[in-house]
Protein backbone atom coordinates (compact mmCIF):
# COMPACT_ATOMS: atom_id res chain seq x y z
CA MET A 1 -10.31 3.47 -21.98
CA ASN A 2 -12.29 2.25 -18.94
CA ILE A 3 -10.76 3.18 -15.62
CA ASN A 4 -11.58 1.27 -12.72
CA LYS A 5 -12.59 3.67 -9.82
CA LEU A 6 -12.89 0.64 -7.39
CA GLU A 7 -9.14 -0.46 -7.99
CA ILE A 8 -8.05 3.01 -7.21
CA LEU A 9 -9.77 3.24 -4.21
CA GLU A 10 -8.67 -0.23 -2.90
CA ASN A 11 -4.85 0.44 -3.94
CA ILE A 12 -4.47 4.19 -3.05
CA CYS A 13 -1.40 4.93 -1.25
CA TYR A 14 0.33 8.19 -0.10
CA THR A 15 4.15 9.07 0.70
CA GLU A 16 4.91 11.29 3.63
CA LEU A 17 5.76 14.39 1.46
CA VAL A 18 2.57 14.14 -0.44
CA TYR A 19 0.65 14.92 3.13
CA GLU A 20 2.28 18.21 3.37
CA ARG A 21 1.98 19.00 -0.49
CA ILE A 22 -1.62 18.51 -0.21
CA ASN A 23 -2.10 20.76 2.74
CA LYS A 24 0.14 23.22 1.24
CA LYS A 25 -1.56 23.18 -2.04
CA LEU A 26 -5.03 23.23 -0.80
CA ASN A 27 -4.40 25.63 2.15
CA LEU A 28 -5.37 23.14 4.83
CA SER A 29 -3.84 21.80 8.22
CA PHE A 30 -5.67 18.20 7.85
CA SER A 31 -3.94 15.07 9.78
CA LYS A 32 -2.84 12.28 7.51
CA LYS A 33 -5.94 10.38 8.36
CA GLN A 34 -8.00 13.53 7.27
CA ILE A 35 -6.42 13.77 3.95
CA GLU A 36 -6.77 9.94 3.30
CA LYS A 37 -10.61 9.96 4.49
CA PHE A 38 -11.04 13.42 2.15
CA ILE A 39 -9.21 11.98 -0.85
CA ALA A 40 -11.44 8.74 -0.82
CA GLN A 41 -14.55 10.75 -0.38
CA VAL A 42 -13.77 13.01 -3.39
CA LEU A 43 -12.87 9.76 -5.63
CA LYS A 44 -15.95 8.11 -4.59
CA GLU A 45 -18.43 10.97 -5.35
CA THR A 46 -16.50 12.15 -8.51
CA GLU A 47 -18.50 10.76 -11.60
CA ASP A 48 -16.32 8.05 -13.69
CA VAL A 49 -16.28 10.55 -16.73
CA PHE A 50 -14.05 13.02 -14.56
CA PHE A 51 -11.44 10.12 -14.47
CA LEU A 52 -8.70 10.60 -17.08
CA LYS A 53 -5.56 8.44 -17.87
CA ASN A 54 -3.05 10.58 -19.78
CA GLY A 55 0.54 8.59 -19.87
CA LYS A 56 1.27 7.04 -16.57
CA ASN A 57 -0.97 9.25 -14.48
CA PHE A 58 -4.60 9.36 -13.60
CA TYR A 59 -6.27 12.73 -13.35
CA VAL A 60 -9.32 13.06 -11.26
CA THR A 61 -11.15 16.11 -11.65
CA ASN A 62 -13.85 17.08 -9.05
CA LYS A 63 -15.75 20.40 -9.85
CA GLU A 64 -17.75 20.38 -6.28
CA ASN A 65 -14.54 20.60 -4.59
CA ASN A 66 -12.47 22.70 -7.15
CA ILE A 67 -9.68 20.30 -7.17
CA LYS A 68 -7.48 17.97 -9.65
CA ILE A 69 -6.17 14.80 -8.13
CA THR A 70 -3.06 13.15 -9.77
CA ILE A 71 -2.43 9.43 -9.22
CA ASN A 72 0.32 7.20 -10.33
CA SER A 73 -1.48 4.43 -12.76
CA THR A 74 1.11 1.90 -12.03
CA THR A 75 1.62 2.17 -8.13
CA PHE A 76 -1.74 4.28 -7.28
CA ARG A 77 0.30 6.66 -5.36
CA VAL A 78 -0.92 10.04 -4.87
CA ILE A 79 1.28 12.39 -6.70
CA THR A 80 -0.46 15.92 -5.80
CA VAL A 81 -3.84 17.78 -5.65
CA ASN A 82 -4.19 21.13 -7.02
CA LYS A 83 -7.01 23.75 -6.88
CA ILE A 84 -8.66 24.39 -10.20
CA ALA A 85 -10.20 27.55 -11.38
């Protein structure tokens, strides 16, 4: 399945709780705008091969930043961001 990275970037959205979740899981203290900028930059820099759709979510793995971003494939809402080992 071909994933449209541009469509994700154009439609990505966040809930109030996900900002707190991202800061907590990544041990950051970013503002909402900083988080949005960071996530957008990671998505732009990540090669298409590291975008995976499984069930109702996209999983984007970025080894340079050691994170995996989970995005709902219908609403394009960020669900969480986890550190990877």
